[in-house]
Amino acid sequence: WSSDVCSSDLPTLQDAKDHSSQRFTQTAKIMPEVIRRIAETRSRDETNTLFTKEIADGSATLFFSGANSARSLASKPLGFAACDEVDGYPLDVDGEGDPIGLVQERMSNFPTRKLLMCSTPTTKDFSTIEAEYLASDRRRYYVPCPHCLTLQVLVWGADTEYGIKWLKTPDGDPRPETAVYICRHCGGAIENHQKTQMLADGKWQADNPGAQNGTVAGFHLSKIYSPVGWKSWEMLVRDWVSGREAQKAGDNAKLKRFINTSLAETWEEQGDRANEHELRRRAGDHELRVVMPGMFIMTMGCDVQGDRVEAYLWAWGRGMERQLVDRAIFYGDPSLGEDEEGSPWAGLTEYRRTPVLSHTGKEVHLGACMVDTGGHHTQAVYAYCRAHQGEKVLAIKGRSEHGKAILGRPTDQDINWRGKKIKGGVKLWLLGVDTAKAEIYGRLRISSPGAGYIHLSKHLPSEIFEQITAERLVTKYVRGRAKLEWVKPASKRNEALDCAVYALAAAHWLGIDRWKEGDWRKWEARIGREPKPVETKPEPAKLAPAPAKLMRKVGSFKTRDGWSKL
């Protein structure tokens, strides 16, 4: 027992109560040296309740608290704390920050403080315990093979010649009762009952010794190490086979539970995650700022950051086939007006007005540009969109709600003192970003050019491939109910994906997703079919005349606002 104040923190207050009554108390009862120092729980005695245990001689106090309650974590100086199931902790508790950070604050005055964190891992890149373990000295338990006596870590071995293996019937059905462990060094078959001596002769070894100046120790152990009489290798094989069968039917829940709880490994969601390396491999050799054959009109998506505006230019063809034509970054303070020095908006205007040529050498029309208003520069974005409405520059805001349409209804942002909308004022278009991301990630998995295919050039900056695949769709549980949510690791950026969403919404605003063959033939006629040599490097950008002089009467297309003349 520590002579300091101790705390055991669980994901919720109910978890803390259950742990105190069902696990701690029951364990203490079979440990004479422990139970004799703790009085029986009495509801009227504040020193010994389900949430508080005081040692008889007053040398220590044990608190049980929930990570979902800032109050239960506050006002308690702690010398030793144990945080259990940290992957279930909320990111923020009662608006006061990370629960683990709150615990560490309570420990800051103790020079001999110790913090223990343990958990079943959950989703790869989003697991708290995974991140903490990787930052530690990463100790694993090495056990000797009973045949060759070589020390090794026990692994499942689904993709290796060693690990847990089993026989199959002539029909190919698994026989879990034949499960053995194949040694990675001598190939000998190890029976489950031989684990007892292996565990007794094993030892912990660090794969990353000296991490953080030797102050952080991390331990990893799976159910493959379970003592004889606990979870056997046969039982693990049955769980694995059951999980794989369910996965074939489209249910990943069983296999995910096996990976997380039995193998103590993180689960990587595969259903809605694009493969960055596959995109790099199949990237084309086409030049940037040259629209490919089969693409006839462009849209632009812009993301506003604290020190810059990023613009991504996309071209569109039949069946929502698309090409990322170019990316540009304009550094400056977005809060400044377009005419002020140090503003990025003038650069964006010049970039939008700079002609982009097709493979035939003809100019490709930019149909619409959408600019995100989220963040700290909402009014600056409104001002820019208000000034350039004639060029189809639209203010947008994303909503992360399942099932929402990619392009929703707009709301008027300019009203007078009577609360009446001002004619010609700026509108804010709401986007269903979850739906748009699902559409984009589905298209990224298409491997052959044609309807829906996304063309990326190998000449694009490397970070674009990372950013456009940064997010993934994971399952989270809210009040016990599963919820799908797009999430991004804290260490990654996603501007390329966000701007792809905005450009897609702009395509929907133009009605490209509803165009018929006659519409495509009209735009195809503008560009022509026969290729024509073009320079590989575009001419330096020049500020074009006023927007009205750029518009040519060559047809019309249908937008959400009605028919627009070009």
Protein backbone atom coordinates (compact mmCIF):
# COMPACT_ATOMS: atom_id res chain seq x y z
CA TRP A 1 0.00 0.00 0.00
CA SER A 2 1.16 3.50 -0.80
CA SER A 3 1.25 5.92 2.11
CA ASP A 4 -0.12 8.66 -0.17
CA VAL A 5 -3.64 9.36 -1.31
CA CYS A 6 -4.66 6.86 -4.00
CA SER A 7 -7.26 7.00 -6.75
CA SER A 8 -8.77 4.47 -9.11
CA ASP A 9 -10.41 6.13 -12.11
CA LEU A 10 -12.92 4.33 -14.35
CA PRO A 11 -14.71 5.57 -17.51
CA THR A 12 -17.95 6.44 -15.63
CA LEU A 13 -19.15 6.85 -12.05
CA GLN A 14 -21.25 3.70 -12.41
CA ASP A 15 -18.14 1.81 -13.55
CA ALA A 16 -16.34 3.10 -10.47
CA LYS A 17 -19.17 1.92 -8.21
CA ASP A 18 -19.29 -1.50 -9.87
CA HIS A 19 -15.51 -1.87 -9.68
CA SER A 20 -15.47 -1.01 -6.00
CA SER A 21 -18.22 -3.46 -5.01
CA GLN A 22 -17.72 -6.29 -7.49
CA ARG A 23 -13.98 -6.39 -8.05
CA PHE A 24 -11.99 -4.48 -5.43
CA THR A 25 -14.00 -5.54 -2.39
CA GLN A 26 -14.24 -9.17 -3.51
CA THR A 27 -10.51 -9.31 -4.20
CA ALA A 28 -9.65 -7.65 -0.89
CA LYS A 29 -11.73 -10.21 1.02
CA ILE A 30 -9.42 -13.05 -0.04
CA MET A 31 -6.31 -11.06 0.88
CA PRO A 32 -6.06 -11.02 4.72
CA GLU A 33 -3.31 -8.40 4.82
CA VAL A 34 -5.53 -6.03 2.83
CA ILE A 35 -9.01 -6.61 4.21
CA ARG A 36 -7.93 -6.27 7.84
CA ARG A 37 -6.86 -2.70 7.11
CA ILE A 38 -10.19 -1.67 5.51
CA ALA A 39 -13.38 -1.28 7.50
CA GLU A 40 -16.69 -2.60 6.22
CA THR A 41 -18.62 -0.28 3.91
CA ARG A 42 -21.25 1.75 5.79
CA SER A 43 -23.49 4.19 3.93
CA ARG A 44 -23.49 6.70 6.84
CA ASP A 45 -19.72 6.60 7.28
CA GLU A 46 -18.16 9.00 4.80
CA THR A 47 -14.70 7.47 5.31
CA ASN A 48 -15.76 4.07 3.98
CA THR A 49 -18.22 4.09 1.11
CA LEU A 50 -18.30 2.56 -2.32
CA PHE A 51 -16.33 5.56 -3.60
CA THR A 52 -13.97 6.08 -0.65
CA LYS A 53 -11.86 3.62 1.37
CA GLU A 54 -9.74 4.82 4.29
CA ILE A 55 -6.93 2.68 5.67
CA ALA A 56 -7.38 1.94 9.38
CA ASP A 57 -4.24 3.73 10.51
CA GLY A 58 -4.99 6.76 8.33
CA SER A 59 -1.89 6.23 6.19
CA ALA A 60 -3.82 6.24 2.91
CA THR A 61 -7.18 6.94 1.35
CA LEU A 62 -8.45 5.18 -1.74
CA PHE A 63 -10.91 7.00 -4.04
CA PHE A 64 -12.97 5.48 -6.84
CA SER A 65 -14.04 8.05 -9.45
CA GLY A 66 -15.47 8.28 -12.95
CA ALA A 67 -13.72 9.91 -15.91
CA ASN A 68 -17.09 11.35 -16.98
CA SER A 69 -17.29 13.58 -13.91
CA ALA A 70 -14.88 16.48 -13.44
CA ARG A 71 -16.18 16.90 -9.90
CA SER A 72 -15.15 13.37 -8.91
CA LEU A 73 -11.63 14.09 -10.20
CA ALA A 74 -11.30 17.50 -8.54
CA SER A 75 -10.01 18.66 -5.16
CA LYS A 76 -8.16 15.42 -4.42
CA PRO A 77 -4.35 15.55 -4.18
CA LEU A 78 -3.13 12.18 -5.44
CA GLY A 79 0.22 10.47 -5.02
CA PHE A 80 -0.78 7.31 -6.86
CA ALA A 81 -3.53 6.91 -9.45
CA ALA A 82 -4.75 3.98 -11.54
CA CYS A 83 -6.75 4.80 -14.66
CA ASP A 84 -8.61 1.76 -15.99
CA GLU A 85 -10.08 1.33 -19.49
CA VAL A 86 -8.69 4.67 -20.66
CA ASP A 87 -9.83 4.05 -24.24
CA GLY A 88 -13.36 4.54 -22.96
CA TYR A 89 -12.62 7.97 -21.49
CA PRO A 90 -14.29 11.04 -23.05
CA LEU A 91 -12.04 13.52 -24.85
CA ASP A 92 -13.38 16.31 -22.67
CA VAL A 93 -15.13 16.11 -19.30
CA ASP A 94 -17.54 18.88 -18.30
CA GLY A 95 -15.61 21.36 -20.44
CA GLU A 96 -12.50 21.05 -18.25
CA GLY A 97 -10.34 19.00 -20.60
CA ASP A 98 -8.90 15.50 -20.86
CA PRO A 99 -9.68 13.30 -17.78
CA ILE A 100 -6.14 11.90 -17.70
CA GLY A 101 -4.78 15.44 -17.77
CA LEU A 102 -7.02 16.33 -14.82
CA VAL A 103 -5.65 13.35 -12.88
CA GLN A 104 -2.08 14.37 -13.66
CA GLU A 105 -2.81 17.87 -12.36
CA ARG A 106 -3.92 16.35 -9.03
CA MET A 107 -0.59 14.49 -8.80
CA SER A 108 1.75 17.36 -9.61
CA ASN A 109 2.71 18.11 -5.97
CA PHE A 110 3.95 14.59 -5.20
CA PRO A 111 7.62 14.01 -6.13
CA THR A 112 7.21 10.22 -5.94
CA ARG A 113 3.93 10.16 -7.86
CA LYS A 114 3.01 7.17 -9.99
CA LEU A 115 0.30 6.91 -12.65
CA LEU A 116 -0.91 3.53 -13.89
CA MET A 117 -2.94 3.38 -17.10
CA CYS A 118 -4.44 0.17 -18.46
CA SER A 119 -7.06 -0.61 -21.05
CA THR A 120 -8.36 -2.89 -23.74
CA PRO A 121 -7.22 -1.21 -26.99
CA THR A 122 -9.86 -0.07 -29.46
CA THR A 123 -9.37 1.58 -32.88
CA LYS A 124 -5.95 2.05 -34.47
CA ASP A 125 -4.61 5.63 -34.33
CA PHE A 126 -7.44 6.61 -31.97
CA SER A 127 -6.53 4.41 -29.02
CA THR A 128 -5.22 6.23 -25.94
CA ILE A 129 -3.54 3.12 -24.55
CA GLU A 130 -1.87 2.40 -27.89
CA ALA A 131 -0.33 5.87 -27.98
CA GLU A 132 0.84 5.59 -24.36
CA TYR A 133 2.34 2.13 -24.94
CA LEU A 134 4.21 3.24 -28.06
CA ALA A 135 5.70 6.13 -26.06
CA SER A 136 6.90 3.74 -23.32
CA ASP A 137 9.79 1.26 -23.22
CA ARG A 138 7.36 -1.29 -24.74
CA ARG A 139 7.94 -4.42 -22.68
CA ARG A 140 6.70 -7.80 -23.89
CA TYR A 141 6.77 -11.16 -22.16
CA TYR A 142 9.27 -13.62 -23.67
CA VAL A 143 8.77 -17.31 -22.92
CA PRO A 144 11.07 -20.27 -23.80
CA CYS A 145 10.07 -22.92 -26.30
CA PRO A 146 9.95 -26.30 -24.44
CA HIS A 147 11.77 -27.89 -27.40
CA CYS A 148 14.61 -25.48 -28.27
CA LEU A 149 14.44 -23.25 -25.15
CA THR A 150 14.67 -20.10 -27.33
CA LEU A 151 12.87 -17.09 -25.87
CA GLN A 152 10.09 -15.58 -27.98
CA VAL A 153 6.94 -13.48 -27.82
CA LEU A 154 3.72 -15.44 -28.37
CA VAL A 155 1.74 -14.07 -31.33
CA TRP A 156 -1.42 -15.15 -33.14
CA GLY A 157 0.36 -15.69 -36.44
CA ALA A 158 -2.48 -15.33 -38.93
CA ASP A 159 0.00 -14.29 -41.64
CA THR A 160 3.10 -16.18 -40.50
CA GLU A 161 4.30 -19.80 -40.45
CA TYR A 162 4.59 -19.69 -36.65
CA GLY A 163 1.98 -18.92 -34.00
CA ILE A 164 -1.35 -20.60 -33.23
CA LYS A 165 -2.12 -23.28 -35.86
CA TRP A 166 -4.76 -26.00 -36.20
CA LEU A 167 -5.79 -28.82 -38.49
CA LYS A 168 -8.76 -28.95 -40.85
CA THR A 169 -11.12 -31.71 -41.93
CA PRO A 170 -10.94 -33.11 -45.51
CA ASP A 171 -13.78 -30.69 -46.32
CA GLY A 172 -11.78 -27.73 -45.07
CA ASP A 173 -13.61 -27.19 -41.79
CA PRO A 174 -11.39 -26.06 -38.88
CA ARG A 175 -10.68 -28.37 -35.96
CA PRO A 176 -10.05 -26.02 -33.00
CA GLU A 177 -9.35 -28.95 -30.65
CA THR A 178 -6.08 -29.55 -32.53
CA ALA A 179 -4.72 -26.04 -31.80
CA VAL A 180 -1.01 -25.86 -31.01
CA TYR A 181 1.64 -23.15 -31.04
CA ILE A 182 4.39 -23.52 -33.66
CA CYS A 183 7.77 -22.23 -32.50
CA ARG A 184 9.20 -19.55 -34.77
CA HIS A 185 12.74 -20.88 -34.26
CA CYS A 186 12.60 -24.70 -34.37
CA GLY A 187 9.11 -25.30 -35.77
CA GLY A 188 8.18 -27.51 -32.86
CA ALA A 189 4.52 -27.91 -31.87
CA ILE A 190 3.77 -26.65 -28.35
CA GLU A 191 0.70 -27.94 -26.51
CA ASN A 192 -1.56 -25.66 -24.47
CA HIS A 193 -0.76 -27.49 -21.20
CA GLN A 194 2.95 -26.69 -21.63
CA LYS A 195 2.27 -23.00 -21.02
CA THR A 196 2.50 -23.43 -17.24
CA GLN A 197 6.25 -24.00 -17.25
CA MET A 198 6.78 -21.53 -20.11
CA LEU A 199 5.12 -18.74 -18.12
CA ALA A 200 7.13 -19.60 -15.02
CA ASP A 201 10.41 -19.40 -16.97
CA GLY A 202 9.51 -16.27 -18.97
CA LYS A 203 10.71 -12.72 -18.47
CA TRP A 204 9.82 -9.18 -19.54
CA GLN A 205 12.07 -7.52 -22.13
CA ALA A 206 11.84 -3.94 -23.38
CA ASP A 207 11.80 -3.32 -27.14
CA ASN A 208 12.40 0.40 -26.59
CA PRO A 209 14.63 0.60 -23.48
CA GLY A 210 15.24 3.97 -21.87
CA ALA A 211 12.12 5.63 -23.29
CA GLN A 212 11.49 9.09 -21.83
CA ASN A 213 14.68 8.85 -19.77
CA GLY A 214 13.55 5.53 -18.32
CA THR A 215 10.54 7.02 -16.54
CA VAL A 216 7.77 5.22 -18.46
CA ALA A 217 7.33 1.44 -18.51
CA GLY A 218 4.77 -0.19 -20.80
CA PHE A 219 3.53 -3.80 -20.79
CA HIS A 220 1.62 -5.76 -23.43
CA LEU A 221 0.02 -9.16 -22.84
CA SER A 222 -2.64 -11.04 -24.80
CA LYS A 223 -4.89 -13.97 -23.93
CA ILE A 224 -2.51 -16.29 -25.76
CA TYR A 225 -0.61 -16.19 -22.44
CA SER A 226 -3.68 -17.10 -20.35
CA PRO A 227 -2.74 -19.69 -17.67
CA VAL A 228 -3.97 -23.23 -18.09
CA GLY A 229 -7.58 -23.38 -16.93
CA TRP A 230 -8.35 -19.91 -18.26
CA LYS A 231 -8.84 -19.11 -21.97
CA SER A 232 -7.29 -22.00 -23.91
CA TRP A 233 -5.85 -21.91 -27.41
CA GLU A 234 -8.76 -24.08 -28.56
CA MET A 235 -11.22 -21.49 -27.28
CA LEU A 236 -9.29 -18.70 -29.00
CA VAL A 237 -9.42 -20.57 -32.31
CA ARG A 238 -13.18 -21.01 -31.96
CA ASP A 239 -13.58 -17.28 -31.37
CA TRP A 240 -11.36 -16.47 -34.37
CA VAL A 241 -13.25 -18.81 -36.71
CA SER A 242 -16.58 -17.44 -35.54
CA GLY A 243 -15.37 -13.88 -36.11
CA ARG A 244 -14.09 -14.62 -39.61
CA GLU A 245 -17.36 -16.31 -40.58
CA ALA A 246 -19.33 -13.29 -39.35
CA GLN A 247 -16.99 -10.98 -41.26
CA LYS A 248 -17.75 -12.81 -44.51
CA ALA A 249 -21.41 -12.02 -43.90
CA GLY A 250 -20.57 -8.34 -43.44
CA ASP A 251 -20.45 -8.24 -39.62
CA ASN A 252 -17.08 -7.14 -38.20
CA ALA A 253 -18.22 -6.89 -34.57
CA LYS A 254 -17.10 -10.39 -33.47
CA LEU A 255 -13.70 -10.19 -35.15
CA LYS A 256 -13.12 -6.69 -33.80
CA ARG A 257 -13.93 -7.89 -30.29
CA PHE A 258 -11.48 -10.77 -30.72
CA ILE A 259 -8.67 -8.50 -31.96
CA ASN A 260 -9.26 -5.97 -29.15
CA THR A 261 -9.96 -8.21 -26.15
CA SER A 262 -8.16 -11.49 -26.94
CA LEU A 263 -5.11 -10.30 -28.88
CA ALA A 264 -4.92 -6.90 -27.11
CA GLU A 265 -4.37 -5.19 -30.45
CA THR A 266 -6.06 -2.21 -32.07
CA TRP A 267 -8.66 -2.73 -34.77
CA GLU A 268 -8.21 -0.93 -38.07
CA GLU A 269 -11.45 0.02 -39.78
CA GLN A 270 -11.27 -1.04 -43.43
CA GLY A 271 -14.76 -0.48 -44.81
CA ASP A 272 -14.47 3.28 -45.36
CA ARG A 273 -10.79 4.05 -45.50
CA ALA A 274 -8.91 4.89 -48.68
CA ASN A 275 -5.48 3.35 -49.27
CA GLU A 276 -2.88 6.10 -49.58
CA HIS A 277 -0.23 3.78 -51.04
CA GLU A 278 -2.62 2.38 -53.65
CA LEU A 279 -3.51 5.93 -54.75
CA ARG A 280 0.18 6.78 -55.13
CA ARG A 281 0.78 3.60 -57.15
CA ARG A 282 -1.94 4.27 -59.70
CA ALA A 283 -1.45 8.06 -59.92
CA GLY A 284 -1.26 9.21 -63.56
CA ASP A 285 1.52 11.09 -65.35
CA HIS A 286 -0.70 13.96 -66.53
CA GLU A 287 0.50 17.52 -65.97
CA LEU A 288 -1.05 19.81 -63.39
CA ARG A 289 -3.32 22.65 -64.56
CA VAL A 290 -4.09 20.76 -67.79
CA VAL A 291 -7.58 19.26 -67.93
CA MET A 292 -7.61 15.66 -69.17
CA PRO A 293 -9.75 14.27 -72.01
CA GLY A 294 -13.27 13.54 -70.81
CA MET A 295 -13.33 16.43 -68.31
CA PHE A 296 -15.32 19.50 -69.36
CA ILE A 297 -16.08 21.85 -66.45
CA MET A 298 -14.37 22.75 -63.16
CA THR A 299 -15.29 23.57 -59.56
CA MET A 300 -13.14 24.82 -56.73
CA GLY A 301 -13.13 24.14 -52.98
CA CYS A 302 -11.36 26.49 -50.54
CA ASP A 303 -10.39 25.90 -46.92
CA VAL A 304 -9.57 28.84 -44.64
CA GLN A 305 -6.89 28.34 -41.99
CA GLY A 306 -5.42 30.77 -39.48
CA ASP A 307 -2.56 31.87 -41.74
CA ARG A 308 -3.63 30.85 -45.24
CA VAL A 309 -6.32 29.92 -47.74
CA GLU A 310 -5.97 26.63 -49.63
CA ALA A 311 -7.70 26.15 -52.99
CA TYR A 312 -8.21 22.85 -54.84
CA LEU A 313 -9.34 22.83 -58.47
CA TRP A 314 -11.34 19.84 -59.74
CA ALA A 315 -12.56 18.99 -63.27
CA TRP A 316 -15.64 16.87 -63.97
CA GLY A 317 -16.81 14.40 -66.59
CA ARG A 318 -19.60 11.92 -67.23
CA GLY A 319 -20.71 9.72 -64.34
CA MET A 320 -19.04 12.06 -61.79
CA GLU A 321 -15.59 11.04 -63.01
CA ARG A 322 -13.23 13.74 -61.79
CA GLN A 323 -9.66 15.03 -61.87
CA LEU A 324 -7.72 16.99 -59.26
CA VAL A 325 -6.32 19.65 -61.59
CA ASP A 326 -4.28 21.78 -59.20
CA ARG A 327 -3.71 22.94 -55.62
CA ALA A 328 -2.64 26.44 -54.54
CA ILE A 329 -1.92 27.95 -51.11
CA PHE A 330 -2.20 31.68 -50.39
CA TYR A 331 -0.50 32.74 -47.18
CA GLY A 332 -1.64 35.75 -45.21
CA ASP A 333 -4.12 36.85 -42.57
CA PRO A 334 -7.65 35.87 -43.74
CA SER A 335 -9.15 38.49 -41.42
CA LEU A 336 -7.72 41.26 -43.63
CA GLY A 337 -9.75 42.69 -46.49
CA GLU A 338 -8.96 41.75 -50.08
CA ASP A 339 -7.37 45.14 -50.77
CA GLU A 340 -5.21 45.15 -47.62
CA GLU A 341 -1.54 44.23 -47.60
CA GLY A 342 -0.89 40.75 -46.24
CA SER A 343 -4.32 39.44 -47.20
CA PRO A 344 -4.59 36.06 -49.02
CA TRP A 345 -7.86 36.97 -50.74
CA ALA A 346 -6.34 38.94 -53.65
CA GLY A 347 -4.20 35.92 -54.51
CA LEU A 348 -7.25 33.67 -54.50
CA THR A 349 -9.12 36.05 -56.83
CA GLU A 350 -6.22 36.13 -59.29
CA TYR A 351 -5.93 32.34 -59.15
CA ARG A 352 -9.63 31.84 -59.84
CA ARG A 353 -9.48 34.15 -62.84
CA THR A 354 -6.35 32.62 -64.35
CA PRO A 355 -7.36 30.50 -67.38
CA VAL A 356 -6.89 26.73 -67.20
CA LEU A 357 -6.54 24.90 -70.51
CA SER A 358 -7.83 21.55 -71.61
CA HIS A 359 -5.84 18.90 -73.46
CA THR A 360 -6.99 20.58 -76.68
CA GLY A 361 -5.63 23.96 -75.62
CA LYS A 362 -9.04 25.51 -75.01
CA GLU A 363 -10.06 27.27 -71.81
CA VAL A 364 -12.10 25.22 -69.32
CA HIS A 365 -14.84 27.08 -67.45
CA LEU A 366 -14.82 27.35 -63.64
CA GLY A 367 -18.49 26.87 -62.79
CA ALA A 368 -18.50 27.57 -59.04
CA CYS A 369 -16.22 28.05 -56.06
CA MET A 370 -17.16 27.21 -52.47
CA VAL A 371 -15.37 28.71 -49.46
CA ASP A 372 -15.66 27.26 -45.95
CA THR A 373 -16.90 29.66 -43.26
CA GLY A 374 -16.02 27.41 -40.32
CA GLY A 375 -13.31 28.62 -37.99
CA HIS A 376 -12.38 32.10 -36.83
CA HIS A 377 -12.80 34.07 -40.06
CA THR A 378 -16.49 33.64 -40.82
CA GLN A 379 -17.21 37.34 -41.43
CA ALA A 380 -14.16 37.69 -43.68
CA VAL A 381 -15.42 34.78 -45.79
CA TYR A 382 -18.88 36.36 -45.99
CA ALA A 383 -17.30 39.61 -47.17
CA TYR A 384 -15.31 37.85 -49.89
CA CYS A 385 -18.26 35.80 -51.12
CA ARG A 386 -20.51 38.87 -51.06
CA ALA A 387 -18.04 40.77 -53.26
CA HIS A 388 -17.73 37.91 -55.79
CA GLN A 389 -21.25 36.50 -55.99
CA GLY A 390 -21.30 37.28 -59.70
CA GLU A 391 -18.49 34.78 -60.20
CA LYS A 392 -20.42 32.06 -58.34
CA VAL A 393 -18.28 32.22 -55.17
CA LEU A 394 -20.41 30.68 -52.41
CA ALA A 395 -20.12 30.57 -48.63
CA ILE A 396 -20.57 27.11 -47.11
CA LYS A 397 -20.61 25.38 -43.74
CA GLY A 398 -20.28 21.65 -43.16
CA ARG A 399 -22.53 19.59 -40.90
CA SER A 400 -21.39 16.22 -39.64
CA GLU A 401 -24.75 14.46 -39.55
CA HIS A 402 -25.45 11.02 -40.90
CA GLY A 403 -27.77 10.91 -43.90
CA LYS A 404 -27.73 14.65 -44.67
CA ALA A 405 -27.76 15.62 -48.36
CA ILE A 406 -24.43 16.75 -49.80
CA LEU A 407 -25.98 20.14 -50.60
CA GLY A 408 -28.69 21.48 -48.35
CA ARG A 409 -30.84 24.60 -48.41
CA PRO A 410 -29.14 28.01 -48.02
CA THR A 411 -29.90 30.55 -45.32
CA ASP A 412 -29.72 34.34 -45.70
CA GLN A 413 -26.93 35.92 -43.68
CA ASP A 414 -27.51 39.57 -44.61
CA ILE A 415 -30.49 41.17 -42.87
CA ASN A 416 -31.42 44.76 -42.00
CA TRP A 417 -32.31 46.26 -38.61
CA ARG A 418 -35.88 45.02 -39.02
CA GLY A 419 -34.74 41.43 -39.42
CA LYS A 420 -35.64 41.42 -43.11
CA LYS A 421 -33.27 39.80 -45.60
CA ILE A 422 -31.33 42.15 -47.85
CA LYS A 423 -31.82 41.51 -51.53
CA GLY A 424 -28.64 40.22 -53.10
CA GLY A 425 -27.10 39.49 -49.71
CA VAL A 426 -24.76 36.58 -49.07
CA LYS A 427 -26.23 33.10 -48.53
CA LEU A 428 -24.78 30.28 -46.46
CA TRP A 429 -25.05 26.83 -48.00
CA LEU A 430 -25.11 23.86 -45.60
CA LEU A 431 -23.26 20.71 -46.62
CA GLY A 432 -23.72 17.11 -45.47
CA VAL A 433 -20.01 16.38 -45.09
CA ASP A 434 -20.49 12.79 -43.85
CA THR A 435 -22.40 11.91 -47.00
CA ALA A 436 -19.85 13.69 -49.19
CA LYS A 437 -16.90 11.91 -47.56
CA ALA A 438 -18.60 8.54 -47.99
CA GLU A 439 -19.09 9.36 -51.69
CA ILE A 440 -15.46 10.41 -52.13
CA TYR A 441 -14.01 7.41 -50.30
CA GLY A 442 -16.24 5.10 -52.30
CA ARG A 443 -14.93 6.67 -55.52
CA LEU A 444 -11.31 6.44 -54.34
CA ARG A 445 -11.70 2.66 -54.19
CA ILE A 446 -12.61 2.50 -57.89
CA SER A 447 -9.46 1.18 -59.58
CA SER A 448 -10.21 1.70 -63.29
CA PRO A 449 -10.90 4.98 -65.15
CA GLY A 450 -14.54 5.53 -66.02
CA ALA A 451 -17.68 6.59 -64.18
CA GLY A 452 -16.84 7.72 -60.65
CA TYR A 453 -13.07 7.34 -61.00
CA ILE A 454 -10.85 9.95 -59.34
CA HIS A 455 -7.75 10.96 -61.34
CA LEU A 456 -4.75 12.01 -59.26
CA SER A 457 -1.43 13.04 -60.76
CA LYS A 458 1.93 11.79 -59.54
CA HIS A 459 3.09 15.41 -59.84
CA LEU A 460 0.83 16.47 -56.95
CA PRO A 461 2.57 17.31 -53.65
CA SER A 462 3.09 14.21 -51.50
CA GLU A 463 1.00 15.49 -48.61
CA ILE A 464 -2.15 15.57 -50.74
CA PHE A 465 -2.24 11.76 -50.85
CA GLU A 466 -1.89 11.71 -47.06
CA GLN A 467 -4.53 14.37 -46.47
CA ILE A 468 -7.20 12.98 -48.78
CA THR A 469 -6.97 9.60 -47.01
CA ALA A 470 -6.55 11.01 -43.49
CA GLU A 471 -9.99 10.19 -42.12
CA ARG A 472 -11.83 6.96 -41.55
CA LEU A 473 -15.31 5.90 -40.57
CA VAL A 474 -15.37 4.30 -37.12
CA THR A 475 -18.05 2.97 -34.82
CA LYS A 476 -18.59 4.84 -31.56
CA TYR A 477 -21.13 4.17 -28.86
CA VAL A 478 -23.30 6.95 -27.48
CA ARG A 479 -25.50 5.95 -24.54
CA GLY A 480 -25.02 2.33 -25.54
CA ARG A 481 -25.99 2.86 -29.18
CA ALA A 482 -23.59 2.49 -32.09
CA LYS A 483 -22.85 5.63 -34.11
CA LEU A 484 -20.72 5.94 -37.24
CA GLU A 485 -18.41 8.92 -37.18
CA TRP A 486 -15.67 10.26 -39.44
CA VAL A 487 -12.54 10.79 -37.38
CA LYS A 488 -9.03 12.06 -38.03
CA PRO A 489 -5.88 11.29 -36.02
CA ALA A 490 -4.68 14.39 -34.19
CA SER A 491 -1.31 14.23 -35.95
CA LYS A 492 -2.74 14.35 -39.48
CA ARG A 493 -4.05 17.13 -41.71
CA ASN A 494 -7.10 16.82 -43.98
CA GLU A 495 -7.36 20.03 -46.02
CA ALA A 496 -7.27 18.06 -49.29
CA LEU A 497 -10.26 15.95 -48.20
CA ASP A 498 -12.22 18.95 -46.94
CA CYS A 499 -11.68 20.84 -50.19
CA ALA A 500 -12.67 17.74 -52.19
CA VAL A 501 -15.96 17.82 -50.25
CA TYR A 502 -16.49 21.50 -51.08
CA ALA A 503 -15.71 21.00 -54.77
CA LEU A 504 -18.13 18.05 -54.86
CA ALA A 505 -20.83 20.21 -53.28
CA ALA A 506 -20.13 22.88 -55.91
CA ALA A 507 -20.64 20.23 -58.60
CA HIS A 508 -24.01 19.41 -57.04
CA TRP A 509 -24.87 23.13 -56.97
CA LEU A 510 -24.24 23.22 -60.72
CA GLY A 511 -26.36 20.10 -61.13
CA ILE A 512 -23.51 18.05 -62.64
CA ASP A 513 -24.73 14.95 -60.81
CA ARG A 514 -28.03 15.27 -62.76
CA TRP A 515 -26.70 16.15 -66.22
CA LYS A 516 -27.91 14.12 -69.16
CA GLU A 517 -25.98 13.15 -72.29
CA GLY A 518 -27.17 16.27 -74.08
CA ASP A 519 -25.60 18.46 -71.38
CA TRP A 520 -22.28 16.67 -71.67
CA ARG A 521 -22.24 16.93 -75.47
CA LYS A 522 -22.74 20.69 -75.19
CA TRP A 523 -19.72 21.05 -72.91
CA GLU A 524 -17.72 18.57 -74.95
CA ALA A 525 -18.31 20.73 -78.02
CA ARG A 526 -16.67 23.67 -76.25
CA ILE A 527 -13.42 21.80 -75.73
CA GLY A 528 -13.33 19.53 -78.77
CA ARG A 529 -12.14 15.99 -79.20
CA GLU A 530 -8.88 16.26 -81.14
CA PRO A 531 -5.81 16.71 -78.94
CA LYS A 532 -3.74 19.80 -79.49
CA PRO A 533 -0.17 20.37 -78.21
CA VAL A 534 -0.04 22.56 -75.11
CA GLU A 535 2.83 23.83 -73.06
CA THR A 536 3.63 21.67 -70.05
CA LYS A 537 4.01 24.79 -67.93
CA PRO A 538 1.14 27.31 -67.88
CA GLU A 539 1.85 30.94 -68.57
CA PRO A 540 2.30 33.20 -65.53
CA ALA A 541 -1.00 34.14 -63.95
CA LYS A 542 -2.40 37.50 -64.99
CA LEU A 543 -5.26 39.37 -63.44
CA ALA A 544 -8.17 39.12 -65.85
CA PRO A 545 -10.62 41.96 -66.57
CA ALA A 546 -13.80 42.44 -64.59
CA PRO A 547 -15.94 39.31 -64.16
CA ALA A 548 -18.64 40.51 -66.56
CA LYS A 549 -16.15 40.58 -69.44
CA LEU A 550 -15.04 37.03 -68.71
CA MET A 551 -18.51 35.58 -69.19
CA ARG A 552 -19.23 34.35 -72.70
CA LYS A 553 -22.63 33.46 -74.10
CA VAL A 554 -21.97 29.91 -75.20
CA GLY A 555 -24.91 28.17 -73.60
CA SER A 556 -26.55 27.66 -70.25
CA PHE A 557 -26.67 25.18 -67.43
CA LYS A 558 -29.10 24.53 -64.62
CA THR A 559 -28.18 25.35 -61.03
CA ARG A 560 -30.03 25.21 -57.72
CA ASP A 561 -30.92 28.87 -58.32
CA GLY A 562 -32.40 28.20 -61.74
CA TRP A 563 -30.92 28.74 -65.21
CA SER A 564 -27.63 30.63 -65.40
CA LYS A 565 -26.37 32.15 -68.63
CA LEU A 566 -22.71 31.91 -69.58
